[in-house]
Amino acid sequence: MESQAFYLSVDFFIVSVCAPFRGFKRVYGVVFDLWHHSVAFFNGKNYF
């Protein structure tokens, strides 16, 4: 799965973008869920 590294790097990017905000965990949870749902939708696979 060569694309796994890409998804991990995007996850890390989401963390670094959301980290400075208050309510980080809530914001990150929403963005993370949206990202993974769209990945699963477009690839027809489950990356959770």
N, C-alpha and C. Protein backbone atom coordinates (compact mmCIF):
# COMPACT_ATOMS: atom_id res chain seq x y z
N MET A 1 0.85 -1.20 0.00
CA MET A 1 0.00 0.00 0.00
C MET A 1 0.88 1.25 0.00
N GLU A 2 1.31 1.66 -1.16
CA GLU A 2 2.20 2.82 -1.24
C GLU A 2 1.48 4.11 -0.90
N SER A 3 0.15 4.11 -1.04
CA SER A 3 -0.60 5.34 -0.77
C SER A 3 -0.81 5.58 0.71
N GLN A 4 -0.51 4.58 1.54
CA GLN A 4 -0.70 4.72 2.99
C GLN A 4 0.10 5.89 3.54
N ALA A 5 1.32 6.06 3.06
CA ALA A 5 2.17 7.15 3.54
C ALA A 5 1.55 8.50 3.21
N PHE A 6 0.92 8.59 2.05
CA PHE A 6 0.25 9.83 1.67
C PHE A 6 -0.85 10.17 2.66
N TYR A 7 -1.68 9.19 3.00
CA TYR A 7 -2.78 9.45 3.93
C TYR A 7 -2.26 9.81 5.32
N LEU A 8 -1.17 9.17 5.73
CA LEU A 8 -0.60 9.51 7.02
C LEU A 8 -0.06 10.94 7.02
N SER A 9 0.55 11.35 5.92
CA SER A 9 1.09 12.71 5.87
C SER A 9 -0.04 13.74 5.85
N VAL A 10 -1.14 13.43 5.20
CA VAL A 10 -2.29 14.35 5.22
C VAL A 10 -2.87 14.43 6.62
N ASP A 11 -2.96 13.28 7.30
CA ASP A 11 -3.41 13.29 8.69
C ASP A 11 -2.52 14.19 9.55
N PHE A 12 -1.23 14.07 9.35
CA PHE A 12 -0.29 14.90 10.11
C PHE A 12 -0.48 16.37 9.78
N PHE A 13 -0.73 16.66 8.50
CA PHE A 13 -0.98 18.04 8.07
C PHE A 13 -2.23 18.59 8.74
N ILE A 14 -3.29 17.79 8.80
CA ILE A 14 -4.53 18.21 9.46
C ILE A 14 -4.25 18.51 10.93
N VAL A 15 -3.45 17.66 11.57
CA VAL A 15 -3.12 17.89 12.97
C VAL A 15 -2.39 19.22 13.15
N SER A 16 -1.41 19.48 12.28
CA SER A 16 -0.62 20.70 12.47
C SER A 16 -1.43 21.95 12.15
N VAL A 17 -2.39 21.84 11.24
CA VAL A 17 -3.23 23.00 10.92
C VAL A 17 -4.21 23.27 12.06
N CYS A 18 -4.77 22.22 12.63
CA CYS A 18 -5.81 22.39 13.64
C CYS A 18 -5.24 22.63 15.04
N ALA A 19 -3.98 22.26 15.26
CA ALA A 19 -3.42 22.27 16.60
C ALA A 19 -3.48 23.64 17.29
N PRO A 20 -3.20 24.77 16.60
CA PRO A 20 -3.18 26.05 17.31
C PRO A 20 -4.56 26.52 17.78
N PHE A 21 -5.64 25.95 17.26
CA PHE A 21 -6.96 26.47 17.58
C PHE A 21 -7.45 25.94 18.92
N ARG A 22 -8.28 26.75 19.57
CA ARG A 22 -8.98 26.27 20.76
C ARG A 22 -10.02 25.26 20.31
N GLY A 23 -10.32 24.31 21.17
CA GLY A 23 -11.22 23.24 20.79
C GLY A 23 -10.60 22.35 19.74
N PHE A 24 -9.28 22.18 19.84
CA PHE A 24 -8.53 21.43 18.84
C PHE A 24 -9.11 20.03 18.60
N LYS A 25 -9.41 19.35 19.71
CA LYS A 25 -9.87 17.96 19.57
C LYS A 25 -11.18 17.88 18.79
N ARG A 26 -12.07 18.82 19.07
CA ARG A 26 -13.35 18.80 18.37
C ARG A 26 -13.17 19.12 16.89
N VAL A 27 -12.38 20.16 16.62
CA VAL A 27 -12.14 20.55 15.22
C VAL A 27 -11.44 19.43 14.47
N TYR A 28 -10.41 18.87 15.10
CA TYR A 28 -9.65 17.79 14.46
C TYR A 28 -10.54 16.58 14.20
N GLY A 29 -11.38 16.26 15.16
CA GLY A 29 -12.26 15.11 14.98
C GLY A 29 -13.18 15.27 13.78
N VAL A 30 -13.74 16.47 13.62
CA VAL A 30 -14.64 16.72 12.48
C VAL A 30 -13.88 16.64 11.17
N VAL A 31 -12.73 17.33 11.11
CA VAL A 31 -11.95 17.34 9.86
C VAL A 31 -11.44 15.93 9.54
N PHE A 32 -10.97 15.24 10.57
CA PHE A 32 -10.45 13.89 10.38
C PHE A 32 -11.53 12.97 9.85
N ASP A 33 -12.74 13.05 10.43
CA ASP A 33 -13.84 12.20 9.96
C ASP A 33 -14.20 12.52 8.51
N LEU A 34 -14.29 13.82 8.19
CA LEU A 34 -14.61 14.19 6.82
C LEU A 34 -13.56 13.68 5.84
N TRP A 35 -12.30 13.85 6.20
CA TRP A 35 -11.20 13.41 5.33
C TRP A 35 -11.28 11.91 5.08
N HIS A 36 -11.46 11.12 6.14
CA HIS A 36 -11.46 9.68 5.98
C HIS A 36 -12.71 9.18 5.28
N HIS A 37 -13.83 9.85 5.51
CA HIS A 37 -15.04 9.46 4.79
C HIS A 37 -14.89 9.72 3.30
N SER A 38 -14.28 10.85 2.94
CA SER A 38 -14.10 11.15 1.52
C SER A 38 -13.09 10.20 0.89
N VAL A 39 -12.03 9.85 1.65
CA VAL A 39 -11.05 8.88 1.13
C VAL A 39 -11.74 7.54 0.87
N ALA A 40 -12.52 7.08 1.82
CA ALA A 40 -13.20 5.80 1.68
C ALA A 40 -14.21 5.88 0.53
N PHE A 41 -14.85 7.03 0.38
CA PHE A 41 -15.85 7.17 -0.67
C PHE A 41 -15.20 7.12 -2.06
N PHE A 42 -14.14 7.90 -2.24
CA PHE A 42 -13.53 8.01 -3.56
C PHE A 42 -12.77 6.74 -3.95
N ASN A 43 -12.25 6.02 -2.98
CA ASN A 43 -11.47 4.84 -3.29
C ASN A 43 -12.29 3.55 -3.19
N GLY A 44 -13.50 3.66 -2.65
CA GLY A 44 -14.30 2.48 -2.46
C GLY A 44 -13.69 1.53 -1.45
N LYS A 45 -12.81 2.08 -0.59
CA LYS A 45 -12.16 1.27 0.42
C LYS A 45 -12.29 1.95 1.77
N ASN A 46 -11.89 1.24 2.78
CA ASN A 46 -11.99 1.76 4.13
C ASN A 46 -10.60 1.97 4.71
N TYR A 47 -10.24 3.23 4.98
CA TYR A 47 -8.90 3.54 5.49
C TYR A 47 -8.91 3.90 6.97
N PHE A 48 -9.98 3.58 7.64
CA PHE A 48 -10.08 3.95 9.06
C PHE A 48 -9.13 3.07 9.87
